[in-house]
Amino acid sequence: MLAIHPYLNFDGKTEEAFNFYKSVFGGEFTSFQRMKDMPNNTMPAPEQERVMHVALPIGKGNILMGSDILPSQGDSLKAGNNFYVLIAPESEDEANKIFNTLSAGGKIQAPLGKTFWGAYFGMFTDRYGIQWMINYEYERR
């Protein structure tokens, strides 16, 4: 079954925010990685401890996800770019179809491709200004 999850962006406050959300919703993080965990990492020392990805299950089948932006990459946080809608398709074919259809006329930020975390992933802003992530996990956790 196709799943949709909110994905939140913060400017160095992801860990603080997600610890707060965890206190509200309960549960445990199913994923928590820092920028320093990325292979071939060359980002500045102050950004090494920023959160690359965190996932907190909330409710039945919902996962609240998030990460910190990277100012060294020219990222800045403002209302409207602080969240994505993450689609978790059931196959690579479904990921391709959704990505190609939704991104038509929009701006691709990361083309679909295999990642070091074991997913087929891409992200874009659609023609209406909504930000999307497509993340097909080859091995569901």
C-alpha atoms as a PDB file:
ATOM      1  CA  MET A   1       0.000   0.000   0.000  1.00  0.00           C
ATOM      2  CA  LEU A   2       1.279   3.460  -0.918  1.00  0.00           C
ATOM      3  CA  ALA A   3       2.178   5.554   2.136  1.00  0.00           C
ATOM      4  CA  ILE A   4       2.422   9.327   2.582  1.00  0.00           C
ATOM      5  CA  HIS A   5       4.491  10.867   5.387  1.00  0.00           C
ATOM      6  CA  PRO A   6       5.211  14.503   6.368  1.00  0.00           C
ATOM      7  CA  TYR A   7       8.907  15.435   6.145  1.00  0.00           C
ATOM      8  CA  LEU A   8       9.983  18.508   8.119  1.00  0.00           C
ATOM      9  CA  ASN A   9      13.103  20.663   7.664  1.00  0.00           C
ATOM     10  CA  PHE A  10      14.804  22.678  10.393  1.00  0.00           C
ATOM     11  CA  ASP A  11      17.843  24.940  10.682  1.00  0.00           C
ATOM     12  CA  GLY A  12      19.839  23.036  13.305  1.00  0.00           C
ATOM     13  CA  LYS A  13      16.792  22.324  15.498  1.00  0.00           C
ATOM     14  CA  THR A  14      15.718  18.894  14.208  1.00  0.00           C
ATOM     15  CA  GLU A  15      17.007  16.943  17.210  1.00  0.00           C
ATOM     16  CA  GLU A  16      15.361  19.356  19.664  1.00  0.00           C
ATOM     17  CA  ALA A  17      12.072  19.367  17.729  1.00  0.00           C
ATOM     18  CA  PHE A  18      11.926  15.583  17.355  1.00  0.00           C
ATOM     19  CA  ASN A  19      12.685  14.998  21.021  1.00  0.00           C
ATOM     20  CA  PHE A  20       9.726  17.294  21.715  1.00  0.00           C
ATOM     21  CA  TYR A  21       7.505  15.393  19.230  1.00  0.00           C
ATOM     22  CA  LYS A  22       8.630  12.126  20.822  1.00  0.00           C
ATOM     23  CA  SER A  23       7.540  13.459  24.246  1.00  0.00           C
ATOM     24  CA  VAL A  24       4.132  14.305  22.783  1.00  0.00           C
ATOM     25  CA  PHE A  25       3.464  11.188  20.659  1.00  0.00           C
ATOM     26  CA  GLY A  26       5.603   8.602  22.485  1.00  0.00           C
ATOM     27  CA  GLY A  27       7.413   5.799  20.723  1.00  0.00           C
ATOM     28  CA  GLU A  28      11.019   5.478  19.624  1.00  0.00           C
ATOM     29  CA  PHE A  29      12.960   6.736  16.623  1.00  0.00           C
ATOM     30  CA  THR A  30      13.234   4.058  13.949  1.00  0.00           C
ATOM     31  CA  SER A  31      16.028   6.003  12.271  1.00  0.00           C
ATOM     32  CA  PHE A  32      18.410   8.717  13.477  1.00  0.00           C
ATOM     33  CA  GLN A  33      21.452   9.690  11.398  1.00  0.00           C
ATOM     34  CA  ARG A  34      23.731  12.688  11.530  1.00  0.00           C
ATOM     35  CA  MET A  35      25.404  14.421   8.602  1.00  0.00           C
ATOM     36  CA  LYS A  36      28.760  13.009   9.738  1.00  0.00           C
ATOM     37  CA  ASP A  37      27.387   9.522   8.986  1.00  0.00           C
ATOM     38  CA  MET A  38      27.313  10.231   5.229  1.00  0.00           C
ATOM     39  CA  PRO A  39      30.046   8.525   3.205  1.00  0.00           C
ATOM     40  CA  ASN A  40      32.643  10.825   1.578  1.00  0.00           C
ATOM     41  CA  ASN A  41      31.504  13.662   3.798  1.00  0.00           C
ATOM     42  CA  THR A  42      33.313  16.982   3.240  1.00  0.00           C
ATOM     43  CA  MET A  43      30.919  19.417   4.908  1.00  0.00           C
ATOM     44  CA  PRO A  44      32.132  21.953   7.487  1.00  0.00           C
ATOM     45  CA  ALA A  45      32.620  20.806  11.097  1.00  0.00           C
ATOM     46  CA  PRO A  46      29.703  22.881  12.473  1.00  0.00           C
ATOM     47  CA  GLU A  47      27.311  20.937  10.219  1.00  0.00           C
ATOM     48  CA  GLN A  48      28.633  17.449  11.040  1.00  0.00           C
ATOM     49  CA  GLU A  49      26.307  17.051  14.050  1.00  0.00           C
ATOM     50  CA  ARG A  50      23.212  18.251  12.215  1.00  0.00           C
ATOM     51  CA  VAL A  51      20.523  15.629  11.637  1.00  0.00           C
ATOM     52  CA  MET A  52      20.580  14.038   8.192  1.00  0.00           C
ATOM     53  CA  HIS A  53      17.418  11.984   8.804  1.00  0.00           C
ATOM     54  CA  VAL A  54      15.140  11.064  11.682  1.00  0.00           C
ATOM     55  CA  ALA A  55      11.948   8.990  11.660  1.00  0.00           C
ATOM     56  CA  LEU A  56       9.350   8.789  14.431  1.00  0.00           C
ATOM     57  CA  PRO A  57       6.304   6.531  14.003  1.00  0.00           C
ATOM     58  CA  ILE A  58       3.140   8.282  15.138  1.00  0.00           C
ATOM     59  CA  GLY A  59      -0.237   6.617  15.125  1.00  0.00           C
ATOM     60  CA  LYS A  60      -1.076   3.692  12.914  1.00  0.00           C
ATOM     61  CA  GLY A  61       1.161   3.543   9.831  1.00  0.00           C
ATOM     62  CA  ASN A  62       2.267   7.191   9.972  1.00  0.00           C
ATOM     63  CA  ILE A  63       5.882   8.313  10.229  1.00  0.00           C
ATOM     64  CA  LEU A  64       6.964  11.854  11.013  1.00  0.00           C
ATOM     65  CA  MET A  65      10.349  12.457   9.362  1.00  0.00           C
ATOM     66  CA  GLY A  66      12.810  15.312   9.321  1.00  0.00           C
ATOM     67  CA  SER A  67      16.288  16.733   8.748  1.00  0.00           C
ATOM     68  CA  ASP A  68      18.380  19.861   9.149  1.00  0.00           C
ATOM     69  CA  ILE A  69      19.212  22.150   6.247  1.00  0.00           C
ATOM     70  CA  LEU A  70      22.832  22.808   5.249  1.00  0.00           C
ATOM     71  CA  PRO A  71      23.755  26.499   5.127  1.00  0.00           C
ATOM     72  CA  SER A  72      27.112  25.559   3.511  1.00  0.00           C
ATOM     73  CA  GLN A  73      25.114  24.238   0.537  1.00  0.00           C
ATOM     74  CA  GLY A  74      23.263  27.544   0.185  1.00  0.00           C
ATOM     75  CA  ASP A  75      20.157  26.285   2.001  1.00  0.00           C
ATOM     76  CA  SER A  76      18.083  28.712   4.014  1.00  0.00           C
ATOM     77  CA  LEU A  77      14.888  27.979   5.863  1.00  0.00           C
ATOM     78  CA  LYS A  78      11.743  30.014   5.341  1.00  0.00           C
ATOM     79  CA  ALA A  79       8.023  29.399   5.516  1.00  0.00           C
ATOM     80  CA  GLY A  80       7.076  27.173   2.608  1.00  0.00           C
ATOM     81  CA  ASN A  81      10.340  25.245   2.246  1.00  0.00           C
ATOM     82  CA  ASN A  82      10.335  23.729   5.711  1.00  0.00           C
ATOM     83  CA  PHE A  83       8.410  20.596   4.778  1.00  0.00           C
ATOM     84  CA  TYR A  84       7.986  17.954   2.087  1.00  0.00           C
ATOM     85  CA  VAL A  85       5.340  15.352   1.396  1.00  0.00           C
ATOM     86  CA  LEU A  86       7.169  12.017   1.271  1.00  0.00           C
ATOM     87  CA  ILE A  87       5.667   9.263  -0.877  1.00  0.00           C
ATOM     88  CA  ALA A  88       6.728   5.697  -0.077  1.00  0.00           C
ATOM     89  CA  PRO A  89       5.784   3.621  -3.150  1.00  0.00           C
ATOM     90  CA  GLU A  90       5.792  -0.167  -3.247  1.00  0.00           C
ATOM     91  CA  SER A  91       8.075  -0.598  -6.267  1.00  0.00           C
ATOM     92  CA  GLU A  92      10.735   1.132  -8.317  1.00  0.00           C
ATOM     93  CA  ASP A  93       8.317   1.259 -11.265  1.00  0.00           C
ATOM     94  CA  GLU A  94       5.699   2.994  -9.130  1.00  0.00           C
ATOM     95  CA  ALA A  95       8.378   5.417  -7.866  1.00  0.00           C
ATOM     96  CA  ASN A  96       9.339   6.268 -11.463  1.00  0.00           C
ATOM     97  CA  LYS A  97       5.728   6.814 -12.510  1.00  0.00           C
ATOM     98  CA  ILE A  98       4.899   9.057  -9.548  1.00  0.00           C
ATOM     99  CA  PHE A  99       8.171  11.015  -9.791  1.00  0.00           C
ATOM    100  CA  ASN A 100       7.947  11.585 -13.544  1.00  0.00           C
ATOM    101  CA  THR A 101       4.280  12.568 -13.469  1.00  0.00           C
ATOM    102  CA  LEU A 102       4.329  14.835 -10.403  1.00  0.00           C
ATOM    103  CA  SER A 103       7.602  16.566 -11.314  1.00  0.00           C
ATOM    104  CA  ALA A 104       6.503  17.450 -14.874  1.00  0.00           C
ATOM    105  CA  GLY A 105       6.646  21.219 -15.175  1.00  0.00           C
ATOM    106  CA  GLY A 106       8.328  21.564 -11.793  1.00  0.00           C
ATOM    107  CA  LYS A 107      11.922  21.759 -10.568  1.00  0.00           C
ATOM    108  CA  ILE A 108      13.894  18.592  -9.761  1.00  0.00           C
ATOM    109  CA  GLN A 109      16.178  18.998  -6.748  1.00  0.00           C
ATOM    110  CA  ALA A 110      17.523  15.417  -6.700  1.00  0.00           C
ATOM    111  CA  PRO A 111      16.846  12.997  -9.569  1.00  0.00           C
ATOM    112  CA  LEU A 112      15.679   9.493  -8.726  1.00  0.00           C
ATOM    113  CA  GLY A 113      18.575   7.210  -7.960  1.00  0.00           C
ATOM    114  CA  LYS A 114      19.901   4.555  -5.626  1.00  0.00           C
ATOM    115  CA  THR A 115      21.214   5.840  -2.305  1.00  0.00           C
ATOM    116  CA  PHE A 116      23.653   4.666   0.346  1.00  0.00           C
ATOM    117  CA  TRP A 117      20.728   4.134   2.739  1.00  0.00           C
ATOM    118  CA  GLY A 118      19.232   1.419   0.537  1.00  0.00           C
ATOM    119  CA  ALA A 119      16.497   3.370  -1.199  1.00  0.00           C
ATOM    120  CA  TYR A 120      15.563   4.663  -4.621  1.00  0.00           C
ATOM    121  CA  PHE A 121      15.113   8.353  -3.857  1.00  0.00           C
ATOM    122  CA  GLY A 122      14.416  11.682  -5.524  1.00  0.00           C
ATOM    123  CA  MET A 123      12.978  15.065  -4.622  1.00  0.00           C
ATOM    124  CA  PHE A 124      11.397  17.975  -6.469  1.00  0.00           C
ATOM    125  CA  THR A 125       9.046  20.929  -6.291  1.00  0.00           C
ATOM    126  CA  ASP A 126       5.964  20.482  -8.445  1.00  0.00           C
ATOM    127  CA  ARG A 127       4.542  23.124 -10.777  1.00  0.00           C
ATOM    128  CA  TYR A 128       2.365  24.408  -7.911  1.00  0.00           C
ATOM    129  CA  GLY A 129       5.256  24.954  -5.476  1.00  0.00           C
ATOM    130  CA  ILE A 130       4.645  21.828  -3.336  1.00  0.00           C
ATOM    131  CA  GLN A 131       7.796  19.942  -2.336  1.00  0.00           C
ATOM    132  CA  TRP A 132       7.829  16.156  -2.726  1.00  0.00           C
ATOM    133  CA  MET A 133      10.180  13.277  -1.894  1.00  0.00           C
ATOM    134  CA  ILE A 134       9.857   9.833  -3.431  1.00  0.00           C
ATOM    135  CA  ASN A 135      11.543   7.121  -1.355  1.00  0.00           C
ATOM    136  CA  TYR A 136      11.187   3.464  -2.344  1.00  0.00           C
ATOM    137  CA  GLU A 137      13.004   1.295   0.210  1.00  0.00           C
ATOM    138  CA  TYR A 138      14.406  -1.876  -1.324  1.00  0.00           C
ATOM    139  CA  GLU A 139      14.342  -3.563   2.059  1.00  0.00           C
ATOM    140  CA  ARG A 140      11.485  -2.341   4.220  1.00  0.00           C
ATOM    141  CA  ARG A 141      12.447  -1.993   7.860  1.00  0.00           C
END
